Amino acid sequence: MAGPNLACCLLGLLALTSACYIQNCPLGGKRAVLDQDVRQCLPCGPGGKGRCFGPSICCGDELGCLVGTAEALRCQAENYLPSPCMSGQKPCGSGGRCAAPGICCSADTCRDDLACESEVSFSQL
């Protein structure tokens, strides 16, 4: 009798841990939203002068990029919002966007990129 009950409990736990919860998954997943529905990422940094580029990356024209700092903590809230966001305008590097003059960022890293030298990334859109 314990065998079938144990199997049912394990299957129930597996179903719960692999579920897509309503608060963070729109129909089709975050990437299913059309491009015109993509919103601007959360403001961050001193005075809200930057934008989130990843869960621990905050960049702005005036501040450069703050990676893993207290100013970038607000960016972790993006993980809990149901719709995807986009910061920066010009694509650069491999999957990144221009974040500040001379800096290209993806969701997990930033690096120098000459393609972003003259780019005004997101000013005050």
PDB file of N, CA and C in Angstrom:
ATOM      1  N   MET A   1       0.821  -1.201   0.000  1.00  0.00           N
ATOM      2  CA  MET A   1       0.000   0.000   0.000  1.00  0.00           C
ATOM      3  C   MET A   1       0.865   1.265   0.000  1.00  0.00           C
ATOM      4  N   ALA A   2       2.030   1.195   0.645  1.00  0.00           N
ATOM      5  CA  ALA A   2       2.902   2.365   0.714  1.00  0.00           C
ATOM      6  C   ALA A   2       3.513   2.691  -0.646  1.00  0.00           C
ATOM      7  N   GLY A   3       3.746   1.677  -1.480  1.00  0.00           N
ATOM      8  CA  GLY A   3       4.349   1.880  -2.796  1.00  0.00           C
ATOM      9  C   GLY A   3       3.528   2.793  -3.693  1.00  0.00           C
ATOM     10  N   PRO A   4       2.229   2.514  -3.906  1.00  0.00           N
ATOM     11  CA  PRO A   4       1.423   3.389  -4.765  1.00  0.00           C
ATOM     12  C   PRO A   4       1.266   4.799  -4.192  1.00  0.00           C
ATOM     13  N   ASN A   5       1.131   4.929  -2.877  1.00  0.00           N
ATOM     14  CA  ASN A   5       1.016   6.251  -2.262  1.00  0.00           C
ATOM     15  C   ASN A   5       2.294   7.054  -2.452  1.00  0.00           C
ATOM     16  N   LEU A   6       3.422   6.402  -2.281  1.00  0.00           N
ATOM     17  CA  LEU A   6       4.710   7.073  -2.463  1.00  0.00           C
ATOM     18  C   LEU A   6       4.876   7.532  -3.917  1.00  0.00           C
ATOM     19  N   ALA A   7       4.489   6.672  -4.851  1.00  0.00           N
ATOM     20  CA  ALA A   7       4.590   7.021  -6.271  1.00  0.00           C
ATOM     21  C   ALA A   7       3.695   8.215  -6.598  1.00  0.00           C
ATOM     22  N   CYS A   8       2.483   8.236  -6.050  1.00  0.00           N
ATOM     23  CA  CYS A   8       1.570   9.364  -6.292  1.00  0.00           C
ATOM     24  C   CYS A   8       2.135  10.656  -5.713  1.00  0.00           C
ATOM     25  N   CYS A   9       2.703  10.576  -4.521  1.00  0.00           N
ATOM     26  CA  CYS A   9       3.304  11.769  -3.902  1.00  0.00           C
ATOM     27  C   CYS A   9       4.463  12.288  -4.739  1.00  0.00           C
ATOM     28  N   LEU A  10       5.319  11.405  -5.213  1.00  0.00           N
ATOM     29  CA  LEU A  10       6.459  11.822  -6.033  1.00  0.00           C
ATOM     30  C   LEU A  10       6.000  12.447  -7.349  1.00  0.00           C
ATOM     31  N   LEU A  11       4.993  11.878  -7.978  1.00  0.00           N
ATOM     32  CA  LEU A  11       4.472  12.459  -9.216  1.00  0.00           C
ATOM     33  C   LEU A  11       3.840  13.825  -8.959  1.00  0.00           C
ATOM     34  N   GLY A  12       3.150  13.967  -7.844  1.00  0.00           N
ATOM     35  CA  GLY A  12       2.565  15.253  -7.485  1.00  0.00           C
ATOM     36  C   GLY A  12       3.628  16.310  -7.266  1.00  0.00           C
ATOM     37  N   LEU A  13       4.690  15.963  -6.551  1.00  0.00           N
ATOM     38  CA  LEU A  13       5.796  16.905  -6.322  1.00  0.00           C
ATOM     39  C   LEU A  13       6.478  17.281  -7.625  1.00  0.00           C
ATOM     40  N   LEU A  14       6.665  16.310  -8.500  1.00  0.00           N
ATOM     41  CA  LEU A  14       7.280  16.584  -9.801  1.00  0.00           C
ATOM     42  C   LEU A  14       6.427  17.556 -10.606  1.00  0.00           C
ATOM     43  N   ALA A  15       5.108  17.363 -10.586  1.00  0.00           N
ATOM     44  CA  ALA A  15       4.217  18.260 -11.320  1.00  0.00           C
ATOM     45  C   ALA A  15       4.283  19.676 -10.760  1.00  0.00           C
ATOM     46  N   LEU A  16       4.360  19.825  -9.460  1.00  0.00           N
ATOM     47  CA  LEU A  16       4.413  21.154  -8.846  1.00  0.00           C
ATOM     48  C   LEU A  16       5.730  21.866  -9.126  1.00  0.00           C
ATOM     49  N   THR A  17       6.833  21.142  -9.109  1.00  0.00           N
ATOM     50  CA  THR A  17       8.129  21.789  -9.296  1.00  0.00           C
ATOM     51  C   THR A  17       8.419  22.146 -10.744  1.00  0.00           C
ATOM     52  N   SER A  18       7.733  21.513 -11.692  1.00  0.00           N
ATOM     53  CA  SER A  18       7.983  21.841 -13.094  1.00  0.00           C
ATOM     54  C   SER A  18       6.878  22.719 -13.687  1.00  0.00           C
ATOM     55  N   ALA A  19       5.992  23.209 -12.871  1.00  0.00           N
ATOM     56  CA  ALA A  19       4.859  24.000 -13.356  1.00  0.00           C
ATOM     57  C   ALA A  19       5.294  25.407 -13.760  1.00  0.00           C
ATOM     58  N   CYS A  20       4.507  26.015 -14.603  1.00  0.00           N
ATOM     59  CA  CYS A  20       4.710  27.403 -14.998  1.00  0.00           C
ATOM     60  C   CYS A  20       3.649  28.208 -14.272  1.00  0.00           C
ATOM     61  N   TYR A  21       4.031  28.911 -13.255  1.00  0.00           N
ATOM     62  CA  TYR A  21       3.064  29.607 -12.420  1.00  0.00           C
ATOM     63  C   TYR A  21       2.499  30.838 -13.109  1.00  0.00           C
ATOM     64  N   ILE A  22       1.266  31.146 -12.796  1.00  0.00           N
ATOM     65  CA  ILE A  22       0.530  32.224 -13.463  1.00  0.00           C
ATOM     66  C   ILE A  22       1.227  33.564 -13.324  1.00  0.00           C
ATOM     67  N   GLN A  23       1.801  33.880 -12.166  1.00  0.00           N
ATOM     68  CA  GLN A  23       2.349  35.216 -11.969  1.00  0.00           C
ATOM     69  C   GLN A  23       3.599  35.497 -12.814  1.00  0.00           C
ATOM     70  N   ASN A  24       4.272  34.474 -13.342  1.00  0.00           N
ATOM     71  CA  ASN A  24       5.480  34.776 -14.099  1.00  0.00           C
ATOM     72  C   ASN A  24       5.534  34.149 -15.492  1.00  0.00           C
ATOM     73  N   CYS A  25       4.453  33.584 -15.976  1.00  0.00           N
ATOM     74  CA  CYS A  25       4.482  32.976 -17.307  1.00  0.00           C
ATOM     75  C   CYS A  25       3.264  33.357 -18.130  1.00  0.00           C
ATOM     76  N   PRO A  26       3.417  34.258 -19.106  1.00  0.00           N
ATOM     77  CA  PRO A  26       2.298  34.527 -20.002  1.00  0.00           C
ATOM     78  C   PRO A  26       2.093  33.340 -20.939  1.00  0.00           C
ATOM     79  N   LEU A  27       0.970  33.271 -21.625  1.00  0.00           N
ATOM     80  CA  LEU A  27       0.716  32.185 -22.564  1.00  0.00           C
ATOM     81  C   LEU A  27       1.844  32.107 -23.577  1.00  0.00           C
ATOM     82  N   GLY A  28       2.421  30.945 -23.746  1.00  0.00           N
ATOM     83  CA  GLY A  28       3.510  30.767 -24.691  1.00  0.00           C
ATOM     84  C   GLY A  28       4.870  31.132 -24.131  1.00  0.00           C
ATOM     85  N   GLY A  29       4.948  31.580 -22.886  1.00  0.00           N
ATOM     86  CA  GLY A  29       6.218  31.948 -22.272  1.00  0.00           C
ATOM     87  C   GLY A  29       6.566  33.402 -22.510  1.00  0.00           C
ATOM     88  N   LYS A  30       7.602  33.871 -21.824  1.00  0.00           N
ATOM     89  CA  LYS A  30       8.004  35.279 -21.925  1.00  0.00           C
ATOM     90  C   LYS A  30       8.398  35.672 -23.338  1.00  0.00           C
ATOM     91  N   ARG A  31       8.992  34.768 -24.074  1.00  0.00           N
ATOM     92  CA  ARG A  31       9.489  35.122 -25.406  1.00  0.00           C
ATOM     93  C   ARG A  31       8.409  35.086 -26.474  1.00  0.00           C
ATOM     94  N   ALA A  32       7.199  34.687 -26.130  1.00  0.00           N
ATOM     95  CA  ALA A  32       6.124  34.595 -27.113  1.00  0.00           C
ATOM     96  C   ALA A  32       5.464  35.940 -27.389  1.00  0.00           C
ATOM     97  N   VAL A  33       5.757  36.945 -26.590  1.00  0.00           N
ATOM     98  CA  VAL A  33       5.141  38.252 -26.760  1.00  0.00           C
ATOM     99  C   VAL A  33       5.699  38.909 -28.019  1.00  0.00           C
ATOM    100  N   LEU A  34       4.832  39.529 -28.809  1.00  0.00           N
ATOM    101  CA  LEU A  34       5.271  40.196 -30.037  1.00  0.00           C
ATOM    102  C   LEU A  34       6.178  41.366 -29.720  1.00  0.00           C
ATOM    103  N   ASP A  35       7.026  41.731 -30.665  1.00  0.00           N
ATOM    104  CA  ASP A  35       7.999  42.807 -30.467  1.00  0.00           C
ATOM    105  C   ASP A  35       7.350  44.122 -30.052  1.00  0.00           C
ATOM    106  N   GLN A  36       6.180  44.457 -30.613  1.00  0.00           N
ATOM    107  CA  GLN A  36       5.568  45.725 -30.265  1.00  0.00           C
ATOM    108  C   GLN A  36       5.043  45.737 -28.833  1.00  0.00           C
ATOM    109  N   ASP A  37       4.921  44.575 -28.205  1.00  0.00           N
ATOM    110  CA  ASP A  37       4.443  44.499 -26.832  1.00  0.00           C
ATOM    111  C   ASP A  37       5.582  44.531 -25.808  1.00  0.00           C
ATOM    112  N   VAL A  38       6.815  44.598 -26.257  1.00  0.00           N
ATOM    113  CA  VAL A  38       7.956  44.599 -25.352  1.00  0.00           C
ATOM    114  C   VAL A  38       8.057  45.970 -24.691  1.00  0.00           C
ATOM    115  N   ARG A  39       8.136  45.972 -23.383  1.00  0.00           N
ATOM    116  CA  ARG A  39       8.175  47.225 -22.624  1.00  0.00           C
ATOM    117  C   ARG A  39       9.613  47.593 -22.282  1.00  0.00           C
ATOM    118  N   GLN A  40       9.795  48.815 -21.852  1.00  0.00           N
ATOM    119  CA  GLN A  40      11.102  49.298 -21.393  1.00  0.00           C
ATOM    120  C   GLN A  40      11.404  48.650 -20.038  1.00  0.00           C
ATOM    121  N   CYS A  41      12.630  48.225 -19.824  1.00  0.00           N
ATOM    122  CA  CYS A  41      13.013  47.603 -18.548  1.00  0.00           C
ATOM    123  C   CYS A  41      12.941  48.618 -17.408  1.00  0.00           C
ATOM    124  N   LEU A  42      12.902  48.114 -16.192  1.00  0.00           N
ATOM    125  CA  LEU A  42      12.790  48.953 -14.998  1.00  0.00           C
ATOM    126  C   LEU A  42      13.937  49.951 -14.890  1.00  0.00           C
ATOM    127  N   PRO A  43      13.646  51.160 -14.377  1.00  0.00           N
ATOM    128  CA  PRO A  43      14.726  52.106 -14.102  1.00  0.00           C
ATOM    129  C   PRO A  43      15.505  51.641 -12.880  1.00  0.00           C
ATOM    130  N   CYS A  44      16.761  52.013 -12.807  1.00  0.00           N
ATOM    131  CA  CYS A  44      17.601  51.610 -11.683  1.00  0.00           C
ATOM    132  C   CYS A  44      18.707  52.637 -11.490  1.00  0.00           C
ATOM    133  N   GLY A  45      19.534  52.404 -10.514  1.00  0.00           N
ATOM    134  CA  GLY A  45      20.679  53.271 -10.260  1.00  0.00           C
ATOM    135  C   GLY A  45      20.307  54.549  -9.552  1.00  0.00           C
ATOM    136  N   PRO A  46      21.293  55.378  -9.273  1.00  0.00           N
ATOM    137  CA  PRO A  46      21.059  56.642  -8.570  1.00  0.00           C
ATOM    138  C   PRO A  46      20.084  57.532  -9.343  1.00  0.00           C
ATOM    139  N   GLY A  47      19.026  57.936  -8.697  1.00  0.00           N
ATOM    140  CA  GLY A  47      18.037  58.801  -9.323  1.00  0.00           C
ATOM    141  C   GLY A  47      17.261  58.138 -10.447  1.00  0.00           C
ATOM    142  N   GLY A  48      17.330  56.810 -10.572  1.00  0.00           N
ATOM    143  CA  GLY A  48      16.625  56.111 -11.645  1.00  0.00           C
ATOM    144  C   GLY A  48      17.135  56.468 -13.018  1.00  0.00           C
ATOM    145  N   LYS A  49      18.425  56.854 -13.122  1.00  0.00           N
ATOM    146  CA  LYS A  49      18.984  57.305 -14.395  1.00  0.00           C
ATOM    147  C   LYS A  49      19.489  56.175 -15.280  1.00  0.00           C
ATOM    148  N   GLY A  50      19.378  54.936 -14.815  1.00  0.00           N
ATOM    149  CA  GLY A  50      19.802  53.804 -15.620  1.00  0.00           C
ATOM    150  C   GLY A  50      18.632  52.892 -15.926  1.00  0.00           C
ATOM    151  N   ARG A  51      18.897  51.842 -16.690  1.00  0.00           N
ATOM    152  CA  ARG A  51      17.904  50.817 -17.000  1.00  0.00           C
ATOM    153  C   ARG A  51      18.514  49.450 -16.746  1.00  0.00           C
ATOM    154  N   CYS A  52      17.673  48.512 -16.352  1.00  0.00           N
ATOM    155  CA  CYS A  52      18.127  47.145 -16.090  1.00  0.00           C
ATOM    156  C   CYS A  52      18.453  46.441 -17.407  1.00  0.00           C
ATOM    157  N   PHE A  53      19.567  45.752 -17.434  1.00  0.00           N
ATOM    158  CA  PHE A  53      19.966  44.951 -18.591  1.00  0.00           C
ATOM    159  C   PHE A  53      20.010  43.476 -18.250  1.00  0.00           C
ATOM    160  N   GLY A  54      19.934  43.140 -16.992  1.00  0.00           N
ATOM    161  CA  GLY A  54      19.941  41.769 -16.510  1.00  0.00           C
ATOM    162  C   GLY A  54      19.613  41.795 -15.034  1.00  0.00           C
ATOM    163  N   PRO A  55      19.550  40.649 -14.377  1.00  0.00           N
ATOM    164  CA  PRO A  55      19.164  40.614 -12.961  1.00  0.00           C
ATOM    165  C   PRO A  55      20.139  41.332 -12.034  1.00  0.00           C
ATOM    166  N   SER A  56      21.351  41.610 -12.497  1.00  0.00           N
ATOM    167  CA  SER A  56      22.311  42.320 -11.642  1.00  0.00           C
ATOM    168  C   SER A  56      23.093  43.379 -12.413  1.00  0.00           C
ATOM    169  N   ILE A  57      22.517  43.879 -13.525  1.00  0.00           N
ATOM    170  CA  ILE A  57      23.202  44.861 -14.363  1.00  0.00           C
ATOM    171  C   ILE A  57      22.320  46.092 -14.552  1.00  0.00           C
ATOM    172  N   CYS A  58      22.846  47.253 -14.165  1.00  0.00           N
ATOM    173  CA  CYS A  58      22.158  48.524 -14.335  1.00  0.00           C
ATOM    174  C   CYS A  58      23.088  49.452 -15.122  1.00  0.00           C
ATOM    175  N   CYS A  59      22.608  49.969 -16.264  1.00  0.00           N
ATOM    176  CA  CYS A  59      23.445  50.818 -17.106  1.00  0.00           C
ATOM    177  C   CYS A  59      22.713  52.101 -17.484  1.00  0.00           C
ATOM    178  N   GLY A  60      23.489  53.153 -17.677  1.00  0.00           N
ATOM    179  CA  GLY A  60      22.946  54.424 -18.117  1.00  0.00           C
ATOM    180  C   GLY A  60      24.021  55.257 -18.775  1.00  0.00           C
ATOM    181  N   ASP A  61      23.608  56.181 -19.615  1.00  0.00           N
ATOM    182  CA  ASP A  61      24.554  57.041 -20.322  1.00  0.00           C
ATOM    183  C   ASP A  61      25.446  57.799 -19.349  1.00  0.00           C
ATOM    184  N   GLU A  62      24.865  58.284 -18.256  1.00  0.00           N
ATOM    185  CA  GLU A  62      25.626  59.086 -17.301  1.00  0.00           C
ATOM    186  C   GLU A  62      26.392  58.247 -16.278  1.00  0.00           C
ATOM    187  N   LEU A  63      25.933  57.006 -16.028  1.00  0.00           N
ATOM    188  CA  LEU A  63      26.592  56.203 -14.994  1.00  0.00           C
ATOM    189  C   LEU A  63      27.497  55.110 -15.504  1.00  0.00           C
ATOM    190  N   GLY A  64      27.415  54.763 -16.770  1.00  0.00           N
ATOM    191  CA  GLY A  64      28.131  53.597 -17.251  1.00  0.00           C
ATOM    192  C   GLY A  64      27.339  52.366 -16.832  1.00  0.00           C
ATOM    193  N   CYS A  65      28.022  51.296 -16.447  1.00  0.00           N
ATOM    194  CA  CYS A  65      27.329  50.081 -16.029  1.00  0.00           C
ATOM    195  C   CYS A  65      27.721  49.691 -14.615  1.00  0.00           C
ATOM    196  N   LEU A  66      26.718  49.370 -13.823  1.00  0.00           N
ATOM    197  CA  LEU A  66      26.907  48.906 -12.449  1.00  0.00           C
ATOM    198  C   LEU A  66      26.523  47.432 -12.428  1.00  0.00           C
ATOM    199  N   VAL A  67      27.495  46.569 -12.174  1.00  0.00           N
ATOM    200  CA  VAL A  67      27.261  45.131 -12.210  1.00  0.00           C
ATOM    201  C   VAL A  67      27.424  44.560 -10.806  1.00  0.00           C
ATOM    202  N   GLY A  68      26.362  43.941 -10.293  1.00  0.00           N
ATOM    203  CA  GLY A  68      26.409  43.294  -8.983  1.00  0.00           C
ATOM    204  C   GLY A  68      26.482  44.257  -7.811  1.00  0.00           C
ATOM    205  N   THR A  69      26.078  45.487  -7.997  1.00  0.00           N
ATOM    206  CA  THR A  69      26.132  46.476  -6.916  1.00  0.00           C
ATOM    207  C   THR A  69      24.755  46.646  -6.288  1.00  0.00           C
ATOM    208  N   ALA A  70      24.703  47.397  -5.212  1.00  0.00           N
ATOM    209  CA  ALA A  70      23.436  47.658  -4.533  1.00  0.00           C
ATOM    210  C   ALA A  70      22.467  48.402  -5.452  1.00  0.00           C
ATOM    211  N   GLU A  71      22.982  49.259  -6.323  1.00  0.00           N
ATOM    212  CA  GLU A  71      22.130  50.007  -7.251  1.00  0.00           C
ATOM    213  C   GLU A  71      21.443  49.091  -8.252  1.00  0.00           C
ATOM    214  N   ALA A  72      22.049  47.938  -8.530  1.00  0.00           N
ATOM    215  CA  ALA A  72      21.496  47.003  -9.507  1.00  0.00           C
ATOM    216  C   ALA A  72      20.532  45.999  -8.875  1.00  0.00           C
ATOM    217  N   LEU A  73      20.359  46.010  -7.567  1.00  0.00           N
ATOM    218  CA  LEU A  73      19.462  45.054  -6.901  1.00  0.00           C
ATOM    219  C   LEU A  73      18.030  45.148  -7.403  1.00  0.00           C
ATOM    220  N   ARG A  74      17.584  46.343  -7.723  1.00  0.00           N
ATOM    221  CA  ARG A  74      16.213  46.528  -8.217  1.00  0.00           C
ATOM    222  C   ARG A  74      15.952  45.698  -9.471  1.00  0.00           C
ATOM    223  N   CYS A  75      16.978  45.419 -10.229  1.00  0.00           N
ATOM    224  CA  CYS A  75      16.825  44.684 -11.491  1.00  0.00           C
ATOM    225  C   CYS A  75      16.366  43.245 -11.280  1.00  0.00           C
ATOM    226  N   GLN A  76      16.548  42.704 -10.100  1.00  0.00           N
ATOM    227  CA  GLN A  76      16.084  41.341  -9.832  1.00  0.00           C
ATOM    228  C   GLN A  76      14.566  41.258  -9.920  1.00  0.00           C
ATOM    229  N   ALA A  77      13.865  42.374  -9.754  1.00  0.00           N
ATOM    230  CA  ALA A  77      12.401  42.390  -9.844  1.00  0.00           C
ATOM    231  C   ALA A  77      11.921  42.039 -11.252  1.00  0.00           C
ATOM    232  N   GLU A  78      12.750  42.230 -12.286  1.00  0.00           N
ATOM    233  CA  GLU A  78      12.364  41.882 -13.656  1.00  0.00           C
ATOM    234  C   GLU A  78      12.027  40.402 -13.776  1.00  0.00           C
ATOM    235  N   ASN A  79      12.662  39.553 -12.964  1.00  0.00           N
ATOM    236  CA  ASN A  79      12.405  38.117 -13.027  1.00  0.00           C
ATOM    237  C   ASN A  79      10.969  37.777 -12.660  1.00  0.00           C
ATOM    238  N   TYR A  80      10.292  38.651 -11.933  1.00  0.00           N
ATOM    239  CA  TYR A  80       8.948  38.368 -11.451  1.00  0.00           C
ATOM    240  C   TYR A  80       7.855  39.068 -12.257  1.00  0.00           C
ATOM    241  N   LEU A  81       8.235  39.859 -13.237  1.00  0.00           N
ATOM    242  CA  LEU A  81       7.259  40.536 -14.082  1.00  0.00           C
ATOM    243  C   LEU A  81       6.882  39.630 -15.251  1.00  0.00           C
ATOM    244  N   PRO A  82       5.606  39.601 -15.637  1.00  0.00           N
ATOM    245  CA  PRO A  82       5.148  38.633 -16.636  1.00  0.00           C
ATOM    246  C   PRO A  82       5.551  38.938 -18.072  1.00  0.00           C
ATOM    247  N   SER A  83       5.864  40.180 -18.396  1.00  0.00           N
ATOM    248  CA  SER A  83       6.199  40.490 -19.778  1.00  0.00           C
ATOM    249  C   SER A  83       7.686  40.793 -19.913  1.00  0.00           C
ATOM    250  N   PRO A  84       8.266  40.444 -21.064  1.00  0.00           N
ATOM    251  CA  PRO A  84       9.688  40.718 -21.277  1.00  0.00           C
ATOM    252  C   PRO A  84       9.926  42.203 -21.481  1.00  0.00           C
ATOM    253  N   CYS A  85      11.176  42.618 -21.279  1.00  0.00           N
ATOM    254  CA  CYS A  85      11.513  44.018 -21.479  1.00  0.00           C
ATOM    255  C   CYS A  85      12.763  44.123 -22.335  1.00  0.00           C
ATOM    256  N   MET A  86      13.041  45.342 -22.789  1.00  0.00           N
ATOM    257  CA  MET A  86      14.235  45.576 -23.578  1.00  0.00           C
ATOM    258  C   MET A  86      14.814  46.934 -23.209  1.00  0.00           C
ATOM    259  N   SER A  87      16.090  46.963 -22.963  1.00  0.00           N
ATOM    260  CA  SER A  87      16.814  48.211 -22.740  1.00  0.00           C
ATOM    261  C   SER A  87      17.785  48.394 -23.888  1.00  0.00           C
ATOM    262  N   GLY A  88      18.154  49.622 -24.125  1.00  0.00           N
ATOM    263  CA  GLY A  88      19.062  49.912 -25.235  1.00  0.00           C
ATOM    264  C   GLY A  88      18.306  49.842 -26.542  1.00  0.00           C
ATOM    265  N   GLN A  89      18.926  50.333 -27.597  1.00  0.00           N
ATOM    266  CA  GLN A  89      18.261  50.327 -28.898  1.00  0.00           C
ATOM    267  C   GLN A  89      19.039  49.527 -29.918  1.00  0.00           C
ATOM    268  N   LYS A  90      20.328  49.753 -29.991  1.00  0.00           N
ATOM    269  CA  LYS A  90      21.136  49.158 -31.049  1.00  0.00           C
ATOM    270  C   LYS A  90      21.691  47.803 -30.614  1.00  0.00           C
ATOM    271  N   PRO A  91      21.462  46.743 -31.413  1.00  0.00           N
ATOM    272  CA  PRO A  91      22.063  45.449 -31.093  1.00  0.00           C
ATOM    273  C   PRO A  91      23.579  45.514 -31.243  1.00  0.00           C
ATOM    274  N   CYS A  92      24.288  44.744 -30.437  1.00  0.00           N
ATOM    275  CA  CYS A  92      25.750  44.703 -30.502  1.00  0.00           C
ATOM    276  C   CYS A  92      26.225  43.339 -29.999  1.00  0.00           C
ATOM    277  N   GLY A  93      27.488  43.061 -30.243  1.00  0.00           N
ATOM    278  CA  GLY A  93      28.067  41.808 -29.760  1.00  0.00           C
ATOM    279  C   GLY A  93      27.247  40.604 -30.181  1.00  0.00           C
ATOM    280  N   SER A  94      27.248  39.579 -29.346  1.00  0.00           N
ATOM    281  CA  SER A  94      26.463  38.378 -29.646  1.00  0.00           C
ATOM    282  C   SER A  94      25.244  38.343 -28.726  1.00  0.00           C
ATOM    283  N   GLY A  95      24.163  38.954 -29.174  1.00  0.00           N
ATOM    284  CA  GLY A  95      22.921  38.952 -28.413  1.00  0.00           C
ATOM    285  C   GLY A  95      22.780  40.086 -27.416  1.00  0.00           C
ATOM    286  N   GLY A  96      23.676  41.065 -27.452  1.00  0.00           N
ATOM    287  CA  GLY A  96      23.601  42.184 -26.521  1.00  0.00           C
ATOM    288  C   GLY A  96      23.017  43.432 -27.156  1.00  0.00           C
ATOM    289  N   ARG A  97      22.945  44.499 -26.359  1.00  0.00           N
ATOM    290  CA  ARG A  97      22.475  45.794 -26.834  1.00  0.00           C
ATOM    291  C   ARG A  97      23.364  46.868 -26.240  1.00  0.00           C
ATOM    292  N   CYS A  98      23.509  47.979 -26.944  1.00  0.00           N
ATOM    293  CA  CYS A  98      24.322  49.079 -26.447  1.00  0.00           C
ATOM    294  C   CYS A  98      23.693  49.619 -25.159  1.00  0.00           C
ATOM    295  N   ALA A  99      24.482  49.653 -24.092  1.00  0.00           N
ATOM    296  CA  ALA A  99      23.976  50.030 -22.772  1.00  0.00           C
ATOM    297  C   ALA A  99      24.421  51.424 -22.363  1.00  0.00           C
ATOM    298  N   ALA A 100      25.608  51.798 -22.733  1.00  0.00           N
ATOM    299  CA  ALA A 100      26.193  53.099 -22.416  1.00  0.00           C
ATOM    300  C   ALA A 100      27.242  53.347 -23.495  1.00  0.00           C
ATOM    301  N   PRO A 101      27.739  54.572 -23.621  1.00  0.00           N
ATOM    302  CA  PRO A 101      28.744  54.822 -24.654  1.00  0.00           C
ATOM    303  C   PRO A 101      29.933  53.861 -24.542  1.00  0.00           C
ATOM    304  N   GLY A 102      30.138  53.064 -25.594  1.00  0.00           N
ATOM    305  CA  GLY A 102      31.255  52.131 -25.654  1.00  0.00           C
ATOM    306  C   GLY A 102      31.039  50.818 -24.926  1.00  0.00           C
ATOM    307  N   ILE A 103      29.835  50.555 -24.395  1.00  0.00           N
ATOM    308  CA  ILE A 103      29.589  49.335 -23.619  1.00  0.00           C
ATOM    309  C   ILE A 103      28.389  48.582 -24.175  1.00  0.00           C
ATOM    310  N   CYS A 104      28.580  47.286 -24.408  1.00  0.00           N
ATOM    311  CA  CYS A 104      27.536  46.391 -24.896  1.00  0.00           C
ATOM    312  C   CYS A 104      27.222  45.388 -23.789  1.00  0.00           C
ATOM    313  N   CYS A 105      25.930  45.238 -23.445  1.00  0.00           N
ATOM    314  CA  CYS A 105      25.539  44.316 -22.367  1.00  0.00           C
ATOM    315  C   CYS A 105      24.510  43.313 -22.846  1.00  0.00           C
ATOM    316  N   SER A 106      24.632  42.096 -22.330  1.00  0.00           N
ATOM    317  CA  SER A 106      23.597  41.082 -22.480  1.00  0.00           C
ATOM    318  C   SER A 106      22.994  40.909 -21.088  1.00  0.00           C
ATOM    319  N   ALA A 107      22.172  39.906 -20.883  1.00  0.00           N
ATOM    320  CA  ALA A 107      21.526  39.719 -19.574  1.00  0.00           C
ATOM    321  C   ALA A 107      22.521  39.350 -18.478  1.00  0.00           C
ATOM    322  N   ASP A 108      23.680  38.782 -18.843  1.00  0.00           N
ATOM    323  CA  ASP A 108      24.608  38.352 -17.800  1.00  0.00           C
ATOM    324  C   ASP A 108      25.984  38.996 -17.816  1.00  0.00           C
ATOM    325  N   THR A 109      26.318  39.779 -18.828  1.00  0.00           N
ATOM    326  CA  THR A 109      27.658  40.364 -18.865  1.00  0.00           C
ATOM    327  C   THR A 109      27.688  41.649 -19.696  1.00  0.00           C
ATOM    328  N   CYS A 110      28.707  42.446 -19.465  1.00  0.00           N
ATOM    329  CA  CYS A 110      28.951  43.664 -20.248  1.00  0.00           C
ATOM    330  C   CYS A 110      30.390  43.635 -20.741  1.00  0.00           C
ATOM    331  N   ARG A 111      30.616  44.239 -21.909  1.00  0.00           N
ATOM    332  CA  ARG A 111      31.982  44.339 -22.427  1.00  0.00           C
ATOM    333  C   ARG A 111      32.112  45.567 -23.309  1.00  0.00           C
ATOM    334  N   ASP A 112      33.341  46.006 -23.501  1.00  0.00           N
ATOM    335  CA  ASP A 112      33.607  47.149 -24.374  1.00  0.00           C
ATOM    336  C   ASP A 112      33.263  46.769 -25.806  1.00  0.00           C
ATOM    337  N   ASP A 113      32.661  47.717 -26.518  1.00  0.00           N
ATOM    338  CA  ASP A 113      32.299  47.473 -27.911  1.00  0.00           C
ATOM    339  C   ASP A 113      32.335  48.801 -28.659  1.00  0.00           C
ATOM    340  N   LEU A 114      33.191  48.887 -29.659  1.00  0.00           N
ATOM    341  CA  LEU A 114      33.324  50.117 -30.437  1.00  0.00           C
ATOM    342  C   LEU A 114      32.048  50.471 -31.187  1.00  0.00           C
ATOM    343  N   ALA A 115      31.204  49.488 -31.473  1.00  0.00           N
ATOM    344  CA  ALA A 115      29.950  49.754 -32.178  1.00  0.00           C
ATOM    345  C   ALA A 115      29.019  50.631 -31.344  1.00  0.00           C
ATOM    346  N   CYS A 116      29.243  50.676 -30.046  1.00  0.00           N
ATOM    347  CA  CYS A 116      28.388  51.474 -29.152  1.00  0.00           C
ATOM    348  C   CYS A 116      28.996  52.826 -28.818  1.00  0.00           C
ATOM    349  N   GLU A 117      30.142  53.150 -29.375  1.00  0.00           N
ATOM    350  CA  GLU A 117      30.829  54.405 -29.047  1.00  0.00           C
ATOM    351  C   GLU A 117      29.953  55.627 -29.243  1.00  0.00           C
ATOM    352  N   SER A 118      29.315  55.747 -30.405  1.00  0.00           N
ATOM    353  CA  SER A 118      28.541  56.954 -30.674  1.00  0.00           C
ATOM    354  C   SER A 118      27.047  56.748 -30.441  1.00  0.00           C
ATOM    355  N   GLU A 119      26.689  55.609 -29.870  1.00  0.00           N
ATOM    356  CA  GLU A 119      25.277  55.266 -29.658  1.00  0.00           C
ATOM    357  C   GLU A 119      24.711  55.979 -28.448  1.00  0.00           C
ATOM    358  N   VAL A 120      23.564  56.599 -28.608  1.00  0.00           N
ATOM    359  CA  VAL A 120      22.795  57.095 -27.472  1.00  0.00           C
ATOM    360  C   VAL A 120      21.870  55.945 -27.135  1.00  0.00           C
ATOM    361  N   SER A 121      22.150  55.235 -26.048  1.00  0.00           N
ATOM    362  CA  SER A 121      21.488  53.956 -25.803  1.00  0.00           C
ATOM    363  C   SER A 121      20.003  54.057 -25.579  1.00  0.00           C
ATOM    364  N   PHE A 122      19.552  54.740 -24.557  1.00  0.00           N
ATOM    365  CA  PHE A 122      18.129  54.798 -24.315  1.00  0.00           C
ATOM    366  C   PHE A 122      17.699  56.128 -23.746  1.00  0.00           C
ATOM    367  N   SER A 123      18.625  57.057 -23.585  1.00  0.00           N
ATOM    368  CA  SER A 123      18.350  58.374 -23.037  1.00  0.00           C
ATOM    369  C   SER A 123      17.055  58.378 -22.245  1.00  0.00           C
ATOM    370  N   GLN A 124      16.182  59.268 -22.457  1.00  0.00           N
ATOM    371  CA  GLN A 124      14.901  59.265 -21.755  1.00  0.00           C
ATOM    372  C   GLN A 124      13.804  59.007 -22.769  1.00  0.00           C
ATOM    373  N   LEU A 125      13.559  57.746 -23.084  1.00  0.00           N
ATOM    374  CA  LEU A 125      12.534  57.379 -24.070  1.00  0.00           C
ATOM    375  C   LEU A 125      11.155  57.608 -23.525  1.00  0.00           C
TER     376      LEU A 125
END
